[in-house]
Amino acid sequence: MSSQSSKSGERRRASTSTSSKKVSGSGPINIEIGGQRLSIRSDQDSAFVQNLARYIDHKFEELQSTAPTMPMNKLLILASMTVAEELFETREELRQMRRQLKDTTQSMFDLIDQAEEV
């Protein structure tokens, strides 16, 4: 994904490693986060990218309402940290669920083996 800020014209490149639907060769996608408009080129589906931007913008607005005088760059960093925290917590929950599923599945196989021996 690459973006071009409408304010500065500065180009930034970033890639995503999400499992969303990919659309090859899609055109620029216009988003707005914290009042800043960006034009982003991405292989991701436009609706997916818009959804990401809305989510980040919502986090930004939540933080801004609690600290209205904080500079925008710091609010964006905090919003990013908040989203990263959510991601890490969700990954940990998923890891625990997978472990629990594996343990439960093994217990079921053990019970099936025991029943077959009877």
PDB file of N, CA and C in Angstrom:
ATOM      1  N   MET A   1       0.849  -1.153   0.000  1.00  0.00           N
ATOM      2  CA  MET A   1       0.000   0.000   0.000  1.00  0.00           C
ATOM      3  C   MET A   1       0.895   1.214   0.000  1.00  0.00           C
ATOM      4  N   SER A   2       0.636   2.174  -0.813  1.00  0.00           N
ATOM      5  CA  SER A   2       1.400   3.414  -0.773  1.00  0.00           C
ATOM      6  C   SER A   2       0.423   4.560  -0.636  1.00  0.00           C
ATOM      7  N   SER A   3       0.888   5.638  -0.045  1.00  0.00           N
ATOM      8  CA  SER A   3       0.006   6.773   0.151  1.00  0.00           C
ATOM      9  C   SER A   3       0.684   8.038  -0.308  1.00  0.00           C
ATOM     10  N   GLN A   4      -0.153   8.995  -0.660  1.00  0.00           N
ATOM     11  CA  GLN A   4       0.358  10.297  -1.009  1.00  0.00           C
ATOM     12  C   GLN A   4      -0.462  11.305  -0.240  1.00  0.00           C
ATOM     13  N   SER A   5       0.181  12.049   0.619  1.00  0.00           N
ATOM     14  CA  SER A   5      -0.513  13.030   1.430  1.00  0.00           C
ATOM     15  C   SER A   5      -0.981  14.160   0.546  1.00  0.00           C
ATOM     16  N   SER A   6      -2.231  14.579   0.730  1.00  0.00           N
ATOM     17  CA  SER A   6      -2.747  15.668  -0.077  1.00  0.00           C
ATOM     18  C   SER A   6      -2.198  17.003   0.394  1.00  0.00           C
ATOM     19  N   LYS A   7      -1.665  17.071   1.606  1.00  0.00           N
ATOM     20  CA  LYS A   7      -1.101  18.311   2.121  1.00  0.00           C
ATOM     21  C   LYS A   7       0.322  18.539   1.642  1.00  0.00           C
ATOM     22  N   SER A   8       1.176  17.535   1.790  1.00  0.00           N
ATOM     23  CA  SER A   8       2.597  17.750   1.533  1.00  0.00           C
ATOM     24  C   SER A   8       3.078  17.166   0.222  1.00  0.00           C
ATOM     25  N   GLY A   9       2.299  16.279  -0.381  1.00  0.00           N
ATOM     26  CA  GLY A   9       2.742  15.634  -1.609  1.00  0.00           C
ATOM     27  C   GLY A   9       3.837  14.615  -1.362  1.00  0.00           C
ATOM     28  N   GLU A  10       4.181  14.377  -0.125  1.00  0.00           N
ATOM     29  CA  GLU A  10       5.226  13.423   0.242  1.00  0.00           C
ATOM     30  C   GLU A  10       4.713  12.002   0.050  1.00  0.00           C
ATOM     31  N   ARG A  11       5.525  11.156  -0.539  1.00  0.00           N
ATOM     32  CA  ARG A  11       5.126   9.774  -0.806  1.00  0.00           C
ATOM     33  C   ARG A  11       5.670   8.828   0.233  1.00  0.00           C
ATOM     34  N   ARG A  12       4.807   7.942   0.733  1.00  0.00           N
ATOM     35  CA  ARG A  12       5.211   6.916   1.691  1.00  0.00           C
ATOM     36  C   ARG A  12       4.742   5.578   1.174  1.00  0.00           C
ATOM     37  N   ARG A  13       5.512   4.529   1.473  1.00  0.00           N
ATOM     38  CA  ARG A  13       5.129   3.192   1.054  1.00  0.00           C
ATOM     39  C   ARG A  13       5.029   2.298   2.275  1.00  0.00           C
ATOM     40  N   ALA A  14       4.000   1.502   2.281  1.00  0.00           N
ATOM     41  CA  ALA A  14       3.824   0.511   3.346  1.00  0.00           C
ATOM     42  C   ALA A  14       3.097  -0.664   2.744  1.00  0.00           C
ATOM     43  N   SER A  15       3.390  -1.846   3.213  1.00  0.00           N
ATOM     44  CA  SER A  15       2.667  -3.005   2.707  1.00  0.00           C
ATOM     45  C   SER A  15       1.843  -3.587   3.826  1.00  0.00           C
ATOM     46  N   THR A  16       0.782  -4.264   3.433  1.00  0.00           N
ATOM     47  CA  THR A  16      -0.061  -4.904   4.431  1.00  0.00           C
ATOM     48  C   THR A  16       0.033  -6.402   4.243  1.00  0.00           C
ATOM     49  N   SER A  17      -0.176  -7.114   5.321  1.00  0.00           N
ATOM     50  CA  SER A  17      -0.150  -8.570   5.241  1.00  0.00           C
ATOM     51  C   SER A  17      -1.440  -9.122   5.822  1.00  0.00           C
ATOM     52  N   THR A  18      -2.548  -8.542   5.372  1.00  0.00           N
ATOM     53  CA  THR A  18      -3.846  -8.993   5.853  1.00  0.00           C
ATOM     54  C   THR A  18      -4.378 -10.061   4.924  1.00  0.00           C
ATOM     55  N   SER A  19      -5.415 -10.724   5.374  1.00  0.00           N
ATOM     56  CA  SER A  19      -5.987 -11.801   4.571  1.00  0.00           C
ATOM     57  C   SER A  19      -7.275 -11.370   3.906  1.00  0.00           C
ATOM     58  N   SER A  20      -7.440 -10.091   3.670  1.00  0.00           N
ATOM     59  CA  SER A  20      -8.658  -9.610   3.035  1.00  0.00           C
ATOM     60  C   SER A  20      -8.613  -9.905   1.543  1.00  0.00           C
ATOM     61  N   LYS A  21      -9.751  -9.687   0.904  1.00  0.00           N
ATOM     62  CA  LYS A  21      -9.843  -9.884  -0.542  1.00  0.00           C
ATOM     63  C   LYS A  21      -8.904  -8.905  -1.242  1.00  0.00           C
ATOM     64  N   LYS A  22      -8.098  -9.407  -2.135  1.00  0.00           N
ATOM     65  CA  LYS A  22      -7.167  -8.550  -2.867  1.00  0.00           C
ATOM     66  C   LYS A  22      -7.700  -8.298  -4.265  1.00  0.00           C
ATOM     67  N   VAL A  23      -7.516  -7.078  -4.718  1.00  0.00           N
ATOM     68  CA  VAL A  23      -7.928  -6.697  -6.051  1.00  0.00           C
ATOM     69  C   VAL A  23      -6.700  -6.173  -6.764  1.00  0.00           C
ATOM     70  N   SER A  24      -6.274  -6.854  -7.805  1.00  0.00           N
ATOM     71  CA  SER A  24      -5.067  -6.478  -8.519  1.00  0.00           C
ATOM     72  C   SER A  24      -5.281  -5.199  -9.316  1.00  0.00           C
ATOM     73  N   GLY A  25      -4.320  -4.274  -9.197  1.00  0.00           N
ATOM     74  CA  GLY A  25      -4.324  -3.081 -10.025  1.00  0.00           C
ATOM     75  C   GLY A  25      -5.399  -2.071  -9.694  1.00  0.00           C
ATOM     76  N   SER A  26      -5.889  -2.041  -8.477  1.00  0.00           N
ATOM     77  CA  SER A  26      -6.915  -1.071  -8.126  1.00  0.00           C
ATOM     78  C   SER A  26      -6.308   0.326  -8.113  1.00  0.00           C
ATOM     79  N   GLY A  27      -7.137   1.317  -8.405  1.00  0.00           N
ATOM     80  CA  GLY A  27      -6.676   2.691  -8.462  1.00  0.00           C
ATOM     81  C   GLY A  27      -6.547   3.312  -7.088  1.00  0.00           C
ATOM     82  N   PRO A  28      -6.290   4.620  -7.060  1.00  0.00           N
ATOM     83  CA  PRO A  28      -6.123   5.306  -5.778  1.00  0.00           C
ATOM     84  C   PRO A  28      -7.409   5.255  -4.948  1.00  0.00           C
ATOM     85  N   ILE A  29      -7.217   5.166  -3.651  1.00  0.00           N
ATOM     86  CA  ILE A  29      -8.332   5.145  -2.713  1.00  0.00           C
ATOM     87  C   ILE A  29      -8.167   6.357  -1.810  1.00  0.00           C
ATOM     88  N   ASN A  30      -9.182   7.202  -1.768  1.00  0.00           N
ATOM     89  CA  ASN A  30      -9.120   8.404  -0.945  1.00  0.00           C
ATOM     90  C   ASN A  30      -9.667   8.103   0.436  1.00  0.00           C
ATOM     91  N   ILE A  31      -8.856   8.425   1.445  1.00  0.00           N
ATOM     92  CA  ILE A  31      -9.256   8.209   2.839  1.00  0.00           C
ATOM     93  C   ILE A  31      -9.022   9.493   3.618  1.00  0.00           C
ATOM     94  N   GLU A  32      -9.577   9.520   4.838  1.00  0.00           N
ATOM     95  CA  GLU A  32      -9.342  10.658   5.726  1.00  0.00           C
ATOM     96  C   GLU A  32      -9.185  10.136   7.145  1.00  0.00           C
ATOM     97  N   ILE A  33      -8.096  10.534   7.774  1.00  0.00           N
ATOM     98  CA  ILE A  33      -7.826  10.165   9.163  1.00  0.00           C
ATOM     99  C   ILE A  33      -7.407  11.434   9.899  1.00  0.00           C
ATOM    100  N   GLY A  34      -8.106  11.750  10.954  1.00  0.00           N
ATOM    101  CA  GLY A  34      -7.777  12.939  11.736  1.00  0.00           C
ATOM    102  C   GLY A  34      -7.857  14.214  10.935  1.00  0.00           C
ATOM    103  N   GLY A  35      -8.779  14.253   9.978  1.00  0.00           N
ATOM    104  CA  GLY A  35      -8.922  15.434   9.134  1.00  0.00           C
ATOM    105  C   GLY A  35      -7.906  15.525   8.016  1.00  0.00           C
ATOM    106  N   GLN A  36      -6.983  14.590   7.948  1.00  0.00           N
ATOM    107  CA  GLN A  36      -5.960  14.566   6.903  1.00  0.00           C
ATOM    108  C   GLN A  36      -6.418  13.658   5.774  1.00  0.00           C
ATOM    109  N   ARG A  37      -6.462  14.188   4.587  1.00  0.00           N
ATOM    110  CA  ARG A  37      -6.862  13.394   3.433  1.00  0.00           C
ATOM    111  C   ARG A  37      -5.634  12.782   2.774  1.00  0.00           C
ATOM    112  N   LEU A  38      -5.773  11.503   2.445  1.00  0.00           N
ATOM    113  CA  LEU A  38      -4.697  10.774   1.780  1.00  0.00           C
ATOM    114  C   LEU A  38      -5.253  10.042   0.579  1.00  0.00           C
ATOM    115  N   SER A  39      -4.435   9.900  -0.420  1.00  0.00           N
ATOM    116  CA  SER A  39      -4.760   9.073  -1.572  1.00  0.00           C
ATOM    117  C   SER A  39      -3.830   7.874  -1.505  1.00  0.00           C
ATOM    118  N   ILE A  40      -4.421   6.686  -1.375  1.00  0.00           N
ATOM    119  CA  ILE A  40      -3.641   5.474  -1.161  1.00  0.00           C
ATOM    120  C   ILE A  40      -3.815   4.528  -2.335  1.00  0.00           C
ATOM    121  N   ARG A  41      -2.717   3.987  -2.798  1.00  0.00           N
ATOM    122  CA  ARG A  41      -2.765   2.916  -3.796  1.00  0.00           C
ATOM    123  C   ARG A  41      -2.565   1.607  -3.058  1.00  0.00           C
ATOM    124  N   SER A  42      -3.411   0.635  -3.379  1.00  0.00           N
ATOM    125  CA  SER A  42      -3.343  -0.623  -2.661  1.00  0.00           C
ATOM    126  C   SER A  42      -3.855  -1.753  -3.530  1.00  0.00           C
ATOM    127  N   ASP A  43      -3.346  -2.946  -3.273  1.00  0.00           N
ATOM    128  CA  ASP A  43      -3.885  -4.142  -3.907  1.00  0.00           C
ATOM    129  C   ASP A  43      -5.108  -4.637  -3.136  1.00  0.00           C
ATOM    130  N   GLN A  44      -5.350  -4.032  -1.985  1.00  0.00           N
ATOM    131  CA  GLN A  44      -6.491  -4.409  -1.162  1.00  0.00           C
ATOM    132  C   GLN A  44      -7.777  -3.845  -1.771  1.00  0.00           C
ATOM    133  N   ASP A  45      -8.879  -4.478  -1.429  1.00  0.00           N
ATOM    134  CA  ASP A  45     -10.192  -4.024  -1.833  1.00  0.00           C
ATOM    135  C   ASP A  45     -10.439  -2.624  -1.257  1.00  0.00           C
ATOM    136  N   SER A  46     -11.009  -1.742  -2.044  1.00  0.00           N
ATOM    137  CA  SER A  46     -11.258  -0.364  -1.629  1.00  0.00           C
ATOM    138  C   SER A  46     -12.091  -0.286  -0.353  1.00  0.00           C
ATOM    139  N   ALA A  47     -13.128  -1.097  -0.255  1.00  0.00           N
ATOM    140  CA  ALA A  47     -13.982  -1.081   0.941  1.00  0.00           C
ATOM    141  C   ALA A  47     -13.185  -1.483   2.182  1.00  0.00           C
ATOM    142  N   PHE A  48     -12.278  -2.432   2.020  1.00  0.00           N
ATOM    143  CA  PHE A  48     -11.442  -2.869   3.140  1.00  0.00           C
ATOM    144  C   PHE A  48     -10.547  -1.720   3.608  1.00  0.00           C
ATOM    145  N   VAL A  49      -9.907  -1.034   2.681  1.00  0.00           N
ATOM    146  CA  VAL A  49      -9.017   0.079   3.027  1.00  0.00           C
ATOM    147  C   VAL A  49      -9.821   1.206   3.684  1.00  0.00           C
ATOM    148  N   GLN A  50     -11.007   1.498   3.148  1.00  0.00           N
ATOM    149  CA  GLN A  50     -11.861   2.521   3.748  1.00  0.00           C
ATOM    150  C   GLN A  50     -12.235   2.130   5.176  1.00  0.00           C
ATOM    151  N   ASN A  51     -12.515   0.856   5.383  1.00  0.00           N
ATOM    152  CA  ASN A  51     -12.860   0.360   6.709  1.00  0.00           C
ATOM    153  C   ASN A  51     -11.693   0.534   7.684  1.00  0.00           C
ATOM    154  N   LEU A  52     -10.486   0.214   7.229  1.00  0.00           N
ATOM    155  CA  LEU A  52      -9.294   0.419   8.060  1.00  0.00           C
ATOM    156  C   LEU A  52      -9.158   1.888   8.454  1.00  0.00           C
ATOM    157  N   ALA A  53      -9.319   2.762   7.476  1.00  0.00           N
ATOM    158  CA  ALA A  53      -9.179   4.202   7.729  1.00  0.00           C
ATOM    159  C   ALA A  53     -10.233   4.688   8.722  1.00  0.00           C
ATOM    160  N   ARG A  54     -11.466   4.226   8.562  1.00  0.00           N
ATOM    161  CA  ARG A  54     -12.525   4.621   9.501  1.00  0.00           C
ATOM    162  C   ARG A  54     -12.202   4.145  10.923  1.00  0.00           C
ATOM    163  N   TYR A  55     -11.661   2.949  11.027  1.00  0.00           N
ATOM    164  CA  TYR A  55     -11.324   2.399  12.341  1.00  0.00           C
ATOM    165  C   TYR A  55     -10.228   3.230  13.008  1.00  0.00           C
ATOM    166  N   ILE A  56      -9.183   3.531  12.272  1.00  0.00           N
ATOM    167  CA  ILE A  56      -8.087   4.345  12.806  1.00  0.00           C
ATOM    168  C   ILE A  56      -8.595   5.743  13.147  1.00  0.00           C
ATOM    169  N   ASP A  57      -9.428   6.313  12.278  1.00  0.00           N
ATOM    170  CA  ASP A  57      -9.983   7.641  12.528  1.00  0.00           C
ATOM    171  C   ASP A  57     -10.828   7.640  13.802  1.00  0.00           C
ATOM    172  N   HIS A  58     -11.589   6.580  14.018  1.00  0.00           N
ATOM    173  CA  HIS A  58     -12.406   6.467  15.236  1.00  0.00           C
ATOM    174  C   HIS A  58     -11.510   6.430  16.478  1.00  0.00           C
ATOM    175  N   LYS A  59     -10.439   5.650  16.425  1.00  0.00           N
ATOM    176  CA  LYS A  59      -9.497   5.595  17.553  1.00  0.00           C
ATOM    177  C   LYS A  59      -8.874   6.970  17.785  1.00  0.00           C
ATOM    178  N   PHE A  60      -8.509   7.628  16.696  1.00  0.00           N
ATOM    179  CA  PHE A  60      -7.929   8.975  16.770  1.00  0.00           C
ATOM    180  C   PHE A  60      -8.903   9.929  17.461  1.00  0.00           C
ATOM    181  N   GLU A  61     -10.178   9.903  17.041  1.00  0.00           N
ATOM    182  CA  GLU A  61     -11.188  10.794  17.615  1.00  0.00           C
ATOM    183  C   GLU A  61     -11.431  10.499  19.095  1.00  0.00           C
ATOM    184  N   GLU A  62     -11.417   9.219  19.479  1.00  0.00           N
ATOM    185  CA  GLU A  62     -11.572   8.861  20.889  1.00  0.00           C
ATOM    186  C   GLU A  62     -10.454   9.480  21.725  1.00  0.00           C
ATOM    187  N   LEU A  63      -9.238   9.358  21.244  1.00  0.00           N
ATOM    188  CA  LEU A  63      -8.095   9.910  21.970  1.00  0.00           C
ATOM    189  C   LEU A  63      -8.133  11.431  21.990  1.00  0.00           C
ATOM    190  N   GLN A  64      -8.525  12.016  20.879  1.00  0.00           N
ATOM    191  CA  GLN A  64      -8.578  13.465  20.785  1.00  0.00           C
ATOM    192  C   GLN A  64      -9.621  14.038  21.754  1.00  0.00           C
ATOM    193  N   SER A  65     -10.707  13.307  21.967  1.00  0.00           N
ATOM    194  CA  SER A  65     -11.736  13.798  22.895  1.00  0.00           C
ATOM    195  C   SER A  65     -11.237  13.779  24.341  1.00  0.00           C
ATOM    196  N   THR A  66     -10.301  12.893  24.658  1.00  0.00           N
ATOM    197  CA  THR A  66      -9.761  12.848  26.018  1.00  0.00           C
ATOM    198  C   THR A  66      -8.562  13.773  26.198  1.00  0.00           C
ATOM    199  N   ALA A  67      -7.905  14.129  25.099  1.00  0.00           N
ATOM    200  CA  ALA A  67      -6.737  15.025  25.160  1.00  0.00           C
ATOM    201  C   ALA A  67      -6.788  15.990  23.970  1.00  0.00           C
ATOM    202  N   PRO A  68      -7.724  16.953  24.008  1.00  0.00           N
ATOM    203  CA  PRO A  68      -7.941  17.815  22.848  1.00  0.00           C
ATOM    204  C   PRO A  68      -6.763  18.709  22.469  1.00  0.00           C
ATOM    205  N   THR A  69      -5.842  18.958  23.382  1.00  0.00           N
ATOM    206  CA  THR A  69      -4.711  19.835  23.061  1.00  0.00           C
ATOM    207  C   THR A  69      -3.469  19.061  22.615  1.00  0.00           C
ATOM    208  N   MET A  70      -3.547  17.744  22.635  1.00  0.00           N
ATOM    209  CA  MET A  70      -2.389  16.943  22.239  1.00  0.00           C
ATOM    210  C   MET A  70      -2.149  17.096  20.728  1.00  0.00           C
ATOM    211  N   PRO A  71      -0.905  17.230  20.318  1.00  0.00           N
ATOM    212  CA  PRO A  71      -0.600  17.366  18.882  1.00  0.00           C
ATOM    213  C   PRO A  71      -1.057  16.132  18.086  1.00  0.00           C
ATOM    214  N   MET A  72      -1.420  16.402  16.844  1.00  0.00           N
ATOM    215  CA  MET A  72      -1.954  15.356  15.975  1.00  0.00           C
ATOM    216  C   MET A  72      -1.002  14.176  15.835  1.00  0.00           C
ATOM    217  N   ASN A  73       0.285  14.437  15.658  1.00  0.00           N
ATOM    218  CA  ASN A  73       1.230  13.332  15.470  1.00  0.00           C
ATOM    219  C   ASN A  73       1.261  12.407  16.685  1.00  0.00           C
ATOM    220  N   LYS A  74       1.157  12.976  17.870  1.00  0.00           N
ATOM    221  CA  LYS A  74       1.149  12.140  19.077  1.00  0.00           C
ATOM    222  C   LYS A  74      -0.156  11.356  19.182  1.00  0.00           C
ATOM    223  N   LEU A  75      -1.278  11.979  18.810  1.00  0.00           N
ATOM    224  CA  LEU A  75      -2.556  11.273  18.815  1.00  0.00           C
ATOM    225  C   LEU A  75      -2.542  10.103  17.840  1.00  0.00           C
ATOM    226  N   LEU A  76      -1.941  10.316  16.682  1.00  0.00           N
ATOM    227  CA  LEU A  76      -1.854   9.235  15.692  1.00  0.00           C
ATOM    228  C   LEU A  76      -0.968   8.095  16.186  1.00  0.00           C
ATOM    229  N   ILE A  77       0.110   8.443  16.872  1.00  0.00           N
ATOM    230  CA  ILE A  77       0.976   7.410  17.443  1.00  0.00           C
ATOM    231  C   ILE A  77       0.210   6.624  18.506  1.00  0.00           C
ATOM    232  N   LEU A  78      -0.509   7.328  19.368  1.00  0.00           N
ATOM    233  CA  LEU A  78      -1.296   6.652  20.403  1.00  0.00           C
ATOM    234  C   LEU A  78      -2.396   5.791  19.786  1.00  0.00           C
ATOM    235  N   ALA A  79      -3.024   6.282  18.731  1.00  0.00           N
ATOM    236  CA  ALA A  79      -4.052   5.491  18.043  1.00  0.00           C
ATOM    237  C   ALA A  79      -3.428   4.226  17.468  1.00  0.00           C
ATOM    238  N   SER A  80      -2.257   4.360  16.886  1.00  0.00           N
ATOM    239  CA  SER A  80      -1.550   3.193  16.345  1.00  0.00           C
ATOM    240  C   SER A  80      -1.194   2.208  17.443  1.00  0.00           C
ATOM    241  N   MET A  81      -0.731   2.724  18.579  1.00  0.00           N
ATOM    242  CA  MET A  81      -0.395   1.853  19.708  1.00  0.00           C
ATOM    243  C   MET A  81      -1.638   1.141  20.243  1.00  0.00           C
ATOM    244  N   THR A  82      -2.766   1.845  20.263  1.00  0.00           N
ATOM    245  CA  THR A  82      -4.016   1.246  20.728  1.00  0.00           C
ATOM    246  C   THR A  82      -4.436   0.107  19.817  1.00  0.00           C
ATOM    247  N   VAL A  83      -4.352   0.329  18.516  1.00  0.00           N
ATOM    248  CA  VAL A  83      -4.718  -0.714  17.557  1.00  0.00           C
ATOM    249  C   VAL A  83      -3.737  -1.879  17.641  1.00  0.00           C
ATOM    250  N   ALA A  84      -2.455  -1.583  17.798  1.00  0.00           N
ATOM    251  CA  ALA A  84      -1.464  -2.652  17.935  1.00  0.00           C
ATOM    252  C   ALA A  84      -1.717  -3.459  19.205  1.00  0.00           C
ATOM    253  N   GLU A  85      -2.095  -2.790  20.294  1.00  0.00           N
ATOM    254  CA  GLU A  85      -2.417  -3.489  21.533  1.00  0.00           C
ATOM    255  C   GLU A  85      -3.601  -4.437  21.316  1.00  0.00           C
ATOM    256  N   GLU A  86      -4.623  -3.961  20.635  1.00  0.00           N
ATOM    257  CA  GLU A  86      -5.780  -4.810  20.328  1.00  0.00           C
ATOM    258  C   GLU A  86      -5.358  -6.022  19.503  1.00  0.00           C
ATOM    259  N   LEU A  87      -4.495  -5.783  18.524  1.00  0.00           N
ATOM    260  CA  LEU A  87      -4.011  -6.869  17.676  1.00  0.00           C
ATOM    261  C   LEU A  87      -3.261  -7.908  18.497  1.00  0.00           C
ATOM    262  N   PHE A  88      -2.349  -7.465  19.331  1.00  0.00           N
ATOM    263  CA  PHE A  88      -1.559  -8.391  20.142  1.00  0.00           C
ATOM    264  C   PHE A  88      -2.437  -9.166  21.121  1.00  0.00           C
ATOM    265  N   GLU A  89      -3.404  -8.479  21.741  1.00  0.00           N
ATOM    266  CA  GLU A  89      -4.324  -9.167  22.654  1.00  0.00           C
ATOM    267  C   GLU A  89      -5.150 -10.216  21.910  1.00  0.00           C
ATOM    268  N   THR A  90      -5.608  -9.870  20.725  1.00  0.00           N
ATOM    269  CA  THR A  90      -6.396 -10.809  19.922  1.00  0.00           C
ATOM    270  C   THR A  90      -5.559 -11.996  19.485  1.00  0.00           C
ATOM    271  N   ARG A  91      -4.317 -11.745  19.106  1.00  0.00           N
ATOM    272  CA  ARG A  91      -3.418 -12.856  18.747  1.00  0.00           C
ATOM    273  C   ARG A  91      -3.223 -13.806  19.919  1.00  0.00           C
ATOM    274  N   GLU A  92      -3.063 -13.238  21.115  1.00  0.00           N
ATOM    275  CA  GLU A  92      -2.875 -14.072  22.306  1.00  0.00           C
ATOM    276  C   GLU A  92      -4.135 -14.888  22.592  1.00  0.00           C
ATOM    277  N   GLU A  93      -5.295 -14.262  22.480  1.00  0.00           N
ATOM    278  CA  GLU A  93      -6.554 -14.985  22.668  1.00  0.00           C
ATOM    279  C   GLU A  93      -6.683 -16.122  21.655  1.00  0.00           C
ATOM    280  N   LEU A  94      -6.323 -15.851  20.417  1.00  0.00           N
ATOM    281  CA  LEU A  94      -6.381 -16.870  19.369  1.00  0.00           C
ATOM    282  C   LEU A  94      -5.415 -18.017  19.679  1.00  0.00           C
ATOM    283  N   ARG A  95      -4.216 -17.675  20.135  1.00  0.00           N
ATOM    284  CA  ARG A  95      -3.230 -18.700  20.497  1.00  0.00           C
ATOM    285  C   ARG A  95      -3.778 -19.586  21.618  1.00  0.00           C
ATOM    286  N   GLN A  96      -4.386 -18.962  22.620  1.00  0.00           N
ATOM    287  CA  GLN A  96      -4.958 -19.723  23.727  1.00  0.00           C
ATOM    288  C   GLN A  96      -6.128 -20.596  23.257  1.00  0.00           C
ATOM    289  N   MET A  97      -6.961 -20.063  22.397  1.00  0.00           N
ATOM    290  CA  MET A  97      -8.093 -20.848  21.875  1.00  0.00           C
ATOM    291  C   MET A  97      -7.611 -22.044  21.057  1.00  0.00           C
ATOM    292  N   ARG A  98      -6.579 -21.822  20.256  1.00  0.00           N
ATOM    293  CA  ARG A  98      -6.026 -22.932  19.470  1.00  0.00           C
ATOM    294  C   ARG A  98      -5.465 -24.017  20.385  1.00  0.00           C
ATOM    295  N   ARG A  99      -4.759 -23.590  21.438  1.00  0.00           N
ATOM    296  CA  ARG A  99      -4.214 -24.557  22.390  1.00  0.00           C
ATOM    297  C   ARG A  99      -5.343 -25.316  23.084  1.00  0.00           C
ATOM    298  N   GLN A 100      -6.381 -24.608  23.472  1.00  0.00           N
ATOM    299  CA  GLN A 100      -7.525 -25.239  24.122  1.00  0.00           C
ATOM    300  C   GLN A 100      -8.222 -26.208  23.169  1.00  0.00           C
ATOM    301  N   LEU A 101      -8.381 -25.812  21.918  1.00  0.00           N
ATOM    302  CA  LEU A 101      -8.997 -26.687  20.911  1.00  0.00           C
ATOM    303  C   LEU A 101      -8.147 -27.938  20.707  1.00  0.00           C
ATOM    304  N   LYS A 102      -6.836 -27.761  20.633  1.00  0.00           N
ATOM    305  CA  LYS A 102      -5.935 -28.905  20.468  1.00  0.00           C
ATOM    306  C   LYS A 102      -6.048 -29.856  21.661  1.00  0.00           C
ATOM    307  N   ASP A 103      -6.059 -29.290  22.876  1.00  0.00           N
ATOM    308  CA  ASP A 103      -6.182 -30.114  24.079  1.00  0.00           C
ATOM    309  C   ASP A 103      -7.525 -30.838  24.123  1.00  0.00           C
ATOM    310  N   THR A 104      -8.585 -30.138  23.784  1.00  0.00           N
ATOM    311  CA  THR A 104      -9.922 -30.742  23.788  1.00  0.00           C
ATOM    312  C   THR A 104     -10.017 -31.847  22.743  1.00  0.00           C
ATOM    313  N   THR A 105      -9.462 -31.583  21.569  1.00  0.00           N
ATOM    314  CA  THR A 105      -9.470 -32.591  20.504  1.00  0.00           C
ATOM    315  C   THR A 105      -8.699 -33.826  20.940  1.00  0.00           C
ATOM    316  N   GLN A 106      -7.551 -33.628  21.567  1.00  0.00           N
ATOM    317  CA  GLN A 106      -6.761 -34.768  22.044  1.00  0.00           C
ATOM    318  C   GLN A 106      -7.533 -35.562  23.095  1.00  0.00           C
ATOM    319  N   SER A 107      -8.217 -34.850  23.983  1.00  0.00           N
ATOM    320  CA  SER A 107      -9.031 -35.532  25.002  1.00  0.00           C
ATOM    321  C   SER A 107     -10.135 -36.358  24.350  1.00  0.00           C
ATOM    322  N   MET A 108     -10.743 -35.825  23.320  1.00  0.00           N
ATOM    323  CA  MET A 108     -11.797 -36.564  22.614  1.00  0.00           C
ATOM    324  C   MET A 108     -11.231 -37.813  21.950  1.00  0.00           C
ATOM    325  N   PHE A 109     -10.078 -37.685  21.303  1.00  0.00           N
ATOM    326  CA  PHE A 109      -9.447 -38.855  20.677  1.00  0.00           C
ATOM    327  C   PHE A 109      -9.094 -39.907  21.729  1.00  0.00           C
ATOM    328  N   ASP A 110      -8.613 -39.450  22.890  1.00  0.00           N
ATOM    329  CA  ASP A 110      -8.300 -40.383  23.972  1.00  0.00           C
ATOM    330  C   ASP A 110      -9.558 -41.117  24.429  1.00  0.00           C
ATOM    331  N   LEU A 111     -10.655 -40.394  24.552  1.00  0.00           N
ATOM    332  CA  LEU A 111     -11.917 -41.026  24.956  1.00  0.00           C
ATOM    333  C   LEU A 111     -12.412 -42.027  23.900  1.00  0.00           C
ATOM    334  N   ILE A 112     -12.255 -41.674  22.640  1.00  0.00           N
ATOM    335  CA  ILE A 112     -12.642 -42.594  21.545  1.00  0.00           C
ATOM    336  C   ILE A 112     -11.786 -43.847  21.604  1.00  0.00           C
ATOM    337  N   ASP A 113     -10.473 -43.681  21.814  1.00  0.00           N
ATOM    338  CA  ASP A 113      -9.582 -44.843  21.931  1.00  0.00           C
ATOM    339  C   ASP A 113      -9.980 -45.735  23.109  1.00  0.00           C
ATOM    340  N   GLN A 114     -10.324 -45.123  24.224  1.00  0.00           N
ATOM    341  CA  GLN A 114     -10.745 -45.874  25.397  1.00  0.00           C
ATOM    342  C   GLN A 114     -12.050 -46.632  25.114  1.00  0.00           C
ATOM    343  N   ALA A 115     -12.977 -45.984  24.429  1.00  0.00           N
ATOM    344  CA  ALA A 115     -14.261 -46.623  24.118  1.00  0.00           C
ATOM    345  C   ALA A 115     -14.074 -47.795  23.156  1.00  0.00           C
ATOM    346  N   GLU A 116     -13.118 -47.686  22.260  1.00  0.00           N
ATOM    347  CA  GLU A 116     -12.867 -48.764  21.304  1.00  0.00           C
ATOM    348  C   GLU A 116     -12.228 -49.974  21.998  1.00  0.00           C
ATOM    349  N   GLU A 117     -11.503 -49.733  23.081  1.00  0.00           N
ATOM    350  CA  GLU A 117     -10.859 -50.808  23.803  1.00  0.00           C
ATOM    351  C   GLU A 117     -11.865 -51.619  24.632  1.00  0.00           C
ATOM    352  N   VAL A 118     -12.991 -51.053  24.916  1.00  0.00           N
ATOM    353  CA  VAL A 118     -13.988 -51.726  25.763  1.00  0.00           C
ATOM    354  C   VAL A 118     -14.784 -52.722  24.995  1.00  0.00           C
TER     355      VAL A 118
END
